């Protein structure tokens, strides 16, 4: 979850400097290397073996996955708006208040005026 927050701050900074490609690269690194290659592999045991790790550990893993996926989806929304909206509507909309992913805010990113970041704007 911390890496998602860090990447949101980095992407917001890069976008505010019109470094669109570099911001996308930061998001790609987060998604493919940190999330897909590492975190999903680490969390599988906690998700599928609650008999060993307990239900609290399983819920913790589920929360972290939900948080990461939703916020990674928000980061990608400016690059691939149609598919991110489709994914949001199909799954996240039932749990979130916003009617569209494009009306949501990025996670709170410390170090950028301590404000919520909406589509890379301070």
C-alpha atoms as a PDB file:
ATOM      1  CA  UNK A   1       0.000   0.000   0.000  1.00  0.00           C
ATOM      2  CA  UNK A   2       2.891   2.319   0.718  1.00  0.00           C
ATOM      3  CA  UNK A   3       4.311   1.751  -2.772  1.00  0.00           C
ATOM      4  CA  UNK A   4       0.948   2.735  -4.256  1.00  0.00           C
ATOM      5  CA  UNK A   5       1.004   5.953  -2.223  1.00  0.00           C
ATOM      6  CA  UNK A   6       4.602   6.669  -3.216  1.00  0.00           C
ATOM      7  CA  UNK A   7       3.928   6.047  -6.894  1.00  0.00           C
ATOM      8  CA  UNK A   8       0.837   8.266  -6.781  1.00  0.00           C
ATOM      9  CA  UNK A   9       2.991  11.099  -5.438  1.00  0.00           C
ATOM     10  CA  UNK A  10       5.705  10.500  -8.025  1.00  0.00           C
ATOM     11  CA  UNK A  11       3.193  10.318 -10.870  1.00  0.00           C
ATOM     12  CA  UNK A  12       1.456  13.480  -9.682  1.00  0.00           C
ATOM     13  CA  UNK A  13       4.764  15.336  -9.575  1.00  0.00           C
ATOM     14  CA  UNK A  14       5.731  14.111 -13.031  1.00  0.00           C
ATOM     15  CA  UNK A  15       2.353  14.979 -14.500  1.00  0.00           C
ATOM     16  CA  UNK A  16       2.508  18.470 -13.015  1.00  0.00           C
ATOM     17  CA  UNK A  17       5.779  18.860 -14.967  1.00  0.00           C
ATOM     18  CA  UNK A  18       4.123  17.467 -18.132  1.00  0.00           C
ATOM     19  CA  UNK A  19       6.277  14.339 -17.994  1.00  0.00           C
ATOM     20  CA  UNK A  20       3.431  12.084 -19.126  1.00  0.00           C
ATOM     21  CA  UNK A  21       5.622   9.224 -20.358  1.00  0.00           C
ATOM     22  CA  UNK A  22       7.735   9.162 -17.196  1.00  0.00           C
ATOM     23  CA  UNK A  23       4.603   9.124 -15.050  1.00  0.00           C
ATOM     24  CA  UNK A  24       3.259   6.186 -17.064  1.00  0.00           C
ATOM     25  CA  UNK A  25       6.579   4.397 -16.650  1.00  0.00           C
ATOM     26  CA  UNK A  26       6.360   4.824 -12.856  1.00  0.00           C
ATOM     27  CA  UNK A  27       2.822   3.396 -12.860  1.00  0.00           C
ATOM     28  CA  UNK A  28       3.900   0.477 -15.078  1.00  0.00           C
ATOM     29  CA  UNK A  29       6.809  -0.303 -12.737  1.00  0.00           C
ATOM     30  CA  UNK A  30       4.447  -0.320  -9.763  1.00  0.00           C
ATOM     31  CA  UNK A  31       1.893  -2.552 -11.449  1.00  0.00           C
ATOM     32  CA  UNK A  32       4.104  -5.092 -13.198  1.00  0.00           C
ATOM     33  CA  UNK A  33       7.130  -5.349 -10.918  1.00  0.00           C
ATOM     34  CA  UNK A  34       5.873  -4.536  -7.448  1.00  0.00           C
ATOM     35  CA  UNK A  35       2.261  -5.661  -7.611  1.00  0.00           C
ATOM     36  CA  UNK A  36       2.158  -8.523 -10.131  1.00  0.00           C
ATOM     37  CA  UNK A  37       5.637  -9.999  -9.754  1.00  0.00           C
ATOM     38  CA  UNK A  38       6.037  -9.567  -6.015  1.00  0.00           C
ATOM     39  CA  UNK A  39       2.972  -8.750  -3.957  1.00  0.00           C
ATOM     40  CA  UNK A  40       0.500 -11.156  -5.529  1.00  0.00           C
ATOM     41  CA  UNK A  41       3.004 -13.978  -5.086  1.00  0.00           C
ATOM     42  CA  UNK A  42       3.568 -13.059  -1.440  1.00  0.00           C
ATOM     43  CA  UNK A  43      -0.090 -12.732  -0.542  1.00  0.00           C
ATOM     44  CA  UNK A  44      -1.417 -15.921  -2.153  1.00  0.00           C
ATOM     45  CA  UNK A  45      -0.591 -18.043   0.880  1.00  0.00           C
ATOM     46  CA  UNK A  46      -2.534 -15.737   3.213  1.00  0.00           C
ATOM     47  CA  UNK A  47      -5.508 -15.661   0.857  1.00  0.00           C
ATOM     48  CA  UNK A  48      -5.856 -19.344   0.153  1.00  0.00           C
ATOM     49  CA  UNK A  49      -4.716 -20.802   3.480  1.00  0.00           C
ATOM     50  CA  UNK A  50      -6.763 -19.109   6.220  1.00  0.00           C
ATOM     51  CA  UNK A  51      -6.607 -22.401   8.123  1.00  0.00           C
ATOM     52  CA  UNK A  52      -2.875 -21.733   8.633  1.00  0.00           C
ATOM     53  CA  UNK A  53      -2.704 -17.922   8.761  1.00  0.00           C
ATOM     54  CA  UNK A  54      -6.126 -17.113  10.211  1.00  0.00           C
ATOM     55  CA  UNK A  55      -9.078 -15.137   8.936  1.00  0.00           C
ATOM     56  CA  UNK A  56      -7.709 -11.813  10.171  1.00  0.00           C
ATOM     57  CA  UNK A  57      -4.575 -12.234   8.029  1.00  0.00           C
ATOM     58  CA  UNK A  58      -6.771 -13.178   5.089  1.00  0.00           C
ATOM     59  CA  UNK A  59      -8.949 -10.079   5.502  1.00  0.00           C
ATOM     60  CA  UNK A  60      -5.819  -7.954   5.788  1.00  0.00           C
ATOM     61  CA  UNK A  61      -4.527  -9.363   2.502  1.00  0.00           C
ATOM     62  CA  UNK A  62      -7.902  -8.825   0.833  1.00  0.00           C
ATOM     63  CA  UNK A  63      -7.982  -5.212   1.981  1.00  0.00           C
ATOM     64  CA  UNK A  64      -4.446  -4.554   0.728  1.00  0.00           C
ATOM     65  CA  UNK A  65      -5.250  -6.103  -2.655  1.00  0.00           C
ATOM     66  CA  UNK A  66      -8.459  -4.104  -2.991  1.00  0.00           C
ATOM     67  CA  UNK A  67      -6.696  -0.873  -2.037  1.00  0.00           C
ATOM     68  CA  UNK A  68      -3.801  -1.492  -4.412  1.00  0.00           C
ATOM     69  CA  UNK A  69      -5.956  -2.546  -7.359  1.00  0.00           C
ATOM     70  CA  UNK A  70      -8.389   0.351  -7.021  1.00  0.00           C
ATOM     71  CA  UNK A  71      -5.629   2.921  -6.762  1.00  0.00           C
ATOM     72  CA  UNK A  72      -3.549   1.404  -9.569  1.00  0.00           C
ATOM     73  CA  UNK A  73      -6.693   1.500 -11.688  1.00  0.00           C
ATOM     74  CA  UNK A  74      -7.078   5.200 -10.859  1.00  0.00           C
ATOM     75  CA  UNK A  75      -3.477   5.823 -11.915  1.00  0.00           C
ATOM     76  CA  UNK A  76      -4.082   4.096 -15.245  1.00  0.00           C
ATOM     77  CA  UNK A  77      -7.404   5.885 -15.853  1.00  0.00           C
ATOM     78  CA  UNK A  78      -5.768   8.848 -17.578  1.00  0.00           C
ATOM     79  CA  UNK A  79      -3.980   6.537 -20.001  1.00  0.00           C
ATOM     80  CA  UNK A  80      -6.631   3.929 -20.767  1.00  0.00           C
ATOM     81  CA  UNK A  81      -9.929   5.547 -19.804  1.00  0.00           C
ATOM     82  CA  UNK A  82     -12.378   3.086 -21.341  1.00  0.00           C
ATOM     83  CA  UNK A  83     -11.067  -0.151 -19.889  1.00  0.00           C
ATOM     84  CA  UNK A  84     -10.433   1.359 -16.456  1.00  0.00           C
ATOM     85  CA  UNK A  85     -14.009   2.654 -16.383  1.00  0.00           C
ATOM     86  CA  UNK A  86     -15.311  -0.751 -17.437  1.00  0.00           C
ATOM     87  CA  UNK A  87     -13.356  -2.520 -14.681  1.00  0.00           C
ATOM     88  CA  UNK A  88     -14.455   0.081 -12.145  1.00  0.00           C
ATOM     89  CA  UNK A  89     -18.121  -0.322 -13.102  1.00  0.00           C
ATOM     90  CA  UNK A  90     -17.986  -4.113 -13.146  1.00  0.00           C
ATOM     91  CA  UNK A  91     -16.365  -4.536  -9.747  1.00  0.00           C
ATOM     92  CA  UNK A  92     -15.438  -1.463  -7.718  1.00  0.00           C
ATOM     93  CA  UNK A  93     -18.601   0.601  -8.271  1.00  0.00           C
ATOM     94  CA  UNK A  94     -20.620  -1.634  -5.969  1.00  0.00           C
ATOM     95  CA  UNK A  95     -18.302  -0.721  -3.077  1.00  0.00           C
ATOM     96  CA  UNK A  96     -17.350   2.867  -3.938  1.00  0.00           C
ATOM     97  CA  UNK A  97     -19.412   6.055  -3.717  1.00  0.00           C
ATOM     98  CA  UNK A  98     -18.298   7.655  -6.977  1.00  0.00           C
ATOM     99  CA  UNK A  99     -20.328   6.866 -10.099  1.00  0.00           C
ATOM    100  CA  UNK A 100     -17.202   6.890 -12.277  1.00  0.00           C
ATOM    101  CA  UNK A 101     -13.511   6.228 -11.792  1.00  0.00           C
ATOM    102  CA  UNK A 102     -12.919   9.527 -13.564  1.00  0.00           C
ATOM    103  CA  UNK A 103     -14.586  11.372 -10.701  1.00  0.00           C
ATOM    104  CA  UNK A 104     -12.418   9.810  -8.012  1.00  0.00           C
ATOM    105  CA  UNK A 105      -9.338  11.187  -6.310  1.00  0.00           C
ATOM    106  CA  UNK A 106      -5.937   9.621  -6.149  1.00  0.00           C
ATOM    107  CA  UNK A 107      -4.711   8.475  -2.751  1.00  0.00           C
ATOM    108  CA  UNK A 108      -3.465  11.035  -0.266  1.00  0.00           C
ATOM    109  CA  UNK A 109       0.107  11.704  -1.266  1.00  0.00           C
ATOM    110  CA  UNK A 110       2.332  13.189   1.438  1.00  0.00           C
ATOM    111  CA  UNK A 111       4.861  15.737   0.286  1.00  0.00           C
ATOM    112  CA  UNK A 112       2.676  17.456  -2.288  1.00  0.00           C
ATOM    113  CA  UNK A 113       1.060  20.152  -0.175  1.00  0.00           C
ATOM    114  CA  UNK A 114      -0.405  17.247   1.817  1.00  0.00           C
ATOM    115  CA  UNK A 115      -3.472  17.463  -0.428  1.00  0.00           C
ATOM    116  CA  UNK A 116      -5.516  14.872  -2.272  1.00  0.00           C
ATOM    117  CA  UNK A 117      -4.339  14.503  -5.835  1.00  0.00           C
ATOM    118  CA  UNK A 118      -7.013  14.503  -8.530  1.00  0.00           C
ATOM    119  CA  UNK A 119      -5.696  13.412 -11.906  1.00  0.00           C
ATOM    120  CA  UNK A 120      -2.240  14.767 -11.199  1.00  0.00           C
ATOM    121  CA  UNK A 121      -3.356  18.239 -10.113  1.00  0.00           C
ATOM    122  CA  UNK A 122      -2.432  19.804  -6.780  1.00  0.00           C
END
